[in-house]
Amino acid sequence: MHVDIARAEWEAANEALEREARDRTRYERLLDQVEAVTAELRKRVGQTFTVAELVRAYDGAEPWARGTVAEHAPAAGWSRDLSLVTGAAFHQYARGAVDYEP
């Protein structure tokens, strides 16, 4: 996957997450799921990484993100939000990349 495409997907997911803030209960549940994916991402990618390395992790993220959310942040309907949660987690984590540029 190209870096620009991945970053666009991550940004769109983060914007969708922020639109959910009007429903506080749902938003908090989504934030818990984002945190679970971010914690797993931290284990898989580490603290020092490039955006390109993060994109490679994103390419194979669906299976492990699904398992992570199911295990650590289960909630009714979580599977329909998996793409949003995963993209938002990557968007937020990307800010820590050594080569991050807004």
C-alpha atoms as a PDB file:
ATOM      1  CA  MET A   1       0.000   0.000   0.000  1.00  0.00           C
ATOM      2  CA  HIS A   2       1.232   3.496  -0.810  1.00  0.00           C
ATOM      3  CA  VAL A   3       1.981   5.784   2.139  1.00  0.00           C
ATOM      4  CA  ASP A   4      -0.327   8.564   0.897  1.00  0.00           C
ATOM      5  CA  ILE A   5      -3.259   6.177   0.499  1.00  0.00           C
ATOM      6  CA  ALA A   6      -2.755   4.710   3.964  1.00  0.00           C
ATOM      7  CA  ARG A   7      -2.457   8.138   5.552  1.00  0.00           C
ATOM      8  CA  ALA A   8      -5.664   9.258   3.806  1.00  0.00           C
ATOM      9  CA  GLU A   9      -7.483   6.176   5.153  1.00  0.00           C
ATOM     10  CA  TRP A  10      -6.144   6.821   8.651  1.00  0.00           C
ATOM     11  CA  GLU A  11      -7.189  10.466   8.561  1.00  0.00           C
ATOM     12  CA  ALA A  12     -10.680   9.595   7.310  1.00  0.00           C
ATOM     13  CA  ALA A  13     -11.058   7.021  10.089  1.00  0.00           C
ATOM     14  CA  ASN A  14      -9.936   9.515  12.721  1.00  0.00           C
ATOM     15  CA  GLU A  15     -12.392  12.114  11.415  1.00  0.00           C
ATOM     16  CA  ALA A  16     -15.176   9.503  11.535  1.00  0.00           C
ATOM     17  CA  LEU A  17     -14.186   8.683  15.107  1.00  0.00           C
ATOM     18  CA  GLU A  18     -14.403  12.340  16.113  1.00  0.00           C
ATOM     19  CA  ARG A  19     -17.878  12.619  14.567  1.00  0.00           C
ATOM     20  CA  GLU A  20     -18.986   9.907  16.984  1.00  0.00           C
ATOM     21  CA  ALA A  21     -18.258  12.196  19.958  1.00  0.00           C
ATOM     22  CA  ARG A  22     -21.872  13.385  19.994  1.00  0.00           C
ATOM     23  CA  ASP A  23     -22.868   9.968  21.402  1.00  0.00           C
ATOM     24  CA  ARG A  24     -20.688   9.875  24.521  1.00  0.00           C
ATOM     25  CA  THR A  25     -21.281   6.196  25.362  1.00  0.00           C
ATOM     26  CA  ARG A  26     -20.482   4.989  21.857  1.00  0.00           C
ATOM     27  CA  TYR A  27     -17.519   7.347  21.569  1.00  0.00           C
ATOM     28  CA  GLU A  28     -15.991   6.093  24.819  1.00  0.00           C
ATOM     29  CA  ARG A  29     -16.463   2.496  23.685  1.00  0.00           C
ATOM     30  CA  LEU A  30     -14.717   3.300  20.397  1.00  0.00           C
ATOM     31  CA  LEU A  31     -11.884   5.037  22.252  1.00  0.00           C
ATOM     32  CA  ASP A  32     -11.399   1.901  24.372  1.00  0.00           C
ATOM     33  CA  GLN A  33     -11.139  -0.131  21.180  1.00  0.00           C
ATOM     34  CA  VAL A  34      -8.692   2.351  19.636  1.00  0.00           C
ATOM     35  CA  GLU A  35      -6.546   2.099  22.767  1.00  0.00           C
ATOM     36  CA  ALA A  36      -6.549  -1.702  22.580  1.00  0.00           C
ATOM     37  CA  VAL A  37      -5.374  -1.592  18.950  1.00  0.00           C
ATOM     38  CA  THR A  38      -2.794   1.089  19.780  1.00  0.00           C
ATOM     39  CA  ALA A  39      -1.364  -1.019  22.609  1.00  0.00           C
ATOM     40  CA  GLU A  40      -1.007  -3.992  20.285  1.00  0.00           C
ATOM     41  CA  LEU A  41       0.473  -1.750  17.596  1.00  0.00           C
ATOM     42  CA  ARG A  42       3.061  -0.516  20.099  1.00  0.00           C
ATOM     43  CA  LYS A  43       4.094  -4.134  20.722  1.00  0.00           C
ATOM     44  CA  ARG A  44       4.274  -4.951  17.012  1.00  0.00           C
ATOM     45  CA  VAL A  45       5.968  -1.809  15.695  1.00  0.00           C
ATOM     46  CA  GLY A  46       7.791  -0.506  18.751  1.00  0.00           C
ATOM     47  CA  GLN A  47       8.539   3.021  19.824  1.00  0.00           C
ATOM     48  CA  THR A  48      10.940   3.922  16.998  1.00  0.00           C
ATOM     49  CA  PHE A  49       9.515   3.527  13.501  1.00  0.00           C
ATOM     50  CA  THR A  50       8.977   5.252  10.191  1.00  0.00           C
ATOM     51  CA  VAL A  51       5.692   5.955   8.458  1.00  0.00           C
ATOM     52  CA  ALA A  52       6.625   3.350   5.817  1.00  0.00           C
ATOM     53  CA  GLU A  53       7.099   0.719   8.526  1.00  0.00           C
ATOM     54  CA  LEU A  54       3.714   1.661   9.939  1.00  0.00           C
ATOM     55  CA  VAL A  55       2.123   1.284   6.503  1.00  0.00           C
ATOM     56  CA  ARG A  56       3.583  -2.231   6.242  1.00  0.00           C
ATOM     57  CA  ALA A  57       2.048  -3.076   9.615  1.00  0.00           C
ATOM     58  CA  TYR A  58      -1.277  -1.627   8.444  1.00  0.00           C
ATOM     59  CA  ASP A  59      -1.293  -3.916   5.407  1.00  0.00           C
ATOM     60  CA  GLY A  60      -1.596  -6.957   7.658  1.00  0.00           C
ATOM     61  CA  ALA A  61      -3.468  -5.382  10.562  1.00  0.00           C
ATOM     62  CA  GLU A  62      -7.018  -6.638  10.026  1.00  0.00           C
ATOM     63  CA  PRO A  63      -6.585 -10.141  11.526  1.00  0.00           C
ATOM     64  CA  TRP A  64      -4.658  -9.087  14.607  1.00  0.00           C
ATOM     65  CA  ALA A  65      -6.750  -5.935  15.144  1.00  0.00           C
ATOM     66  CA  ARG A  66      -9.915  -8.053  14.996  1.00  0.00           C
ATOM     67  CA  GLY A  67      -8.520 -10.429  17.613  1.00  0.00           C
ATOM     68  CA  THR A  68      -7.284  -7.593  19.795  1.00  0.00           C
ATOM     69  CA  VAL A  69     -10.603  -5.766  19.830  1.00  0.00           C
ATOM     70  CA  ALA A  70     -12.541  -8.970  20.403  1.00  0.00           C
ATOM     71  CA  GLU A  71     -10.306  -9.882  23.349  1.00  0.00           C
ATOM     72  CA  HIS A  72      -9.649  -6.545  25.042  1.00  0.00           C
ATOM     73  CA  ALA A  73     -12.536  -4.265  24.195  1.00  0.00           C
ATOM     74  CA  PRO A  74     -15.556  -6.372  23.364  1.00  0.00           C
ATOM     75  CA  ALA A  75     -18.786  -4.539  22.799  1.00  0.00           C
ATOM     76  CA  ALA A  76     -21.930  -5.162  20.823  1.00  0.00           C
ATOM     77  CA  GLY A  77     -21.376  -4.315  17.191  1.00  0.00           C
ATOM     78  CA  TRP A  78     -17.594  -3.911  17.444  1.00  0.00           C
ATOM     79  CA  SER A  79     -16.941  -5.751  14.194  1.00  0.00           C
ATOM     80  CA  ARG A  80     -18.698  -3.110  12.099  1.00  0.00           C
ATOM     81  CA  ASP A  81     -16.386  -0.490  13.583  1.00  0.00           C
ATOM     82  CA  LEU A  82     -13.143  -2.407  13.111  1.00  0.00           C
ATOM     83  CA  SER A  83     -12.001  -0.393  10.097  1.00  0.00           C
ATOM     84  CA  LEU A  84     -12.731   2.903  11.844  1.00  0.00           C
ATOM     85  CA  VAL A  85     -10.985   1.813  15.049  1.00  0.00           C
ATOM     86  CA  THR A  86      -7.939   0.418  13.262  1.00  0.00           C
ATOM     87  CA  GLY A  87      -7.525   3.448  11.013  1.00  0.00           C
ATOM     88  CA  ALA A  88      -7.898   5.868  13.922  1.00  0.00           C
ATOM     89  CA  ALA A  89      -5.320   3.958  15.966  1.00  0.00           C
ATOM     90  CA  PHE A  90      -2.829   4.068  13.104  1.00  0.00           C
ATOM     91  CA  HIS A  91      -3.564   7.764  12.514  1.00  0.00           C
ATOM     92  CA  GLN A  92      -2.805   8.597  16.123  1.00  0.00           C
ATOM     93  CA  TYR A  93       0.230   6.319  16.321  1.00  0.00           C
ATOM     94  CA  ALA A  94       1.722   7.749  13.118  1.00  0.00           C
ATOM     95  CA  ARG A  95       2.421  11.010  14.919  1.00  0.00           C
ATOM     96  CA  GLY A  96       5.220   9.210  16.746  1.00  0.00           C
ATOM     97  CA  ALA A  97       7.027   8.193  13.556  1.00  0.00           C
ATOM     98  CA  VAL A  98      10.583   9.502  13.261  1.00  0.00           C
ATOM     99  CA  ASP A  99       9.718  10.905   9.822  1.00  0.00           C
ATOM    100  CA  TYR A 100       6.188  12.125  10.592  1.00  0.00           C
ATOM    101  CA  GLU A 101       5.071  15.243   8.779  1.00  0.00           C
ATOM    102  CA  PRO A 102       1.554  16.634   9.220  1.00  0.00           C
END
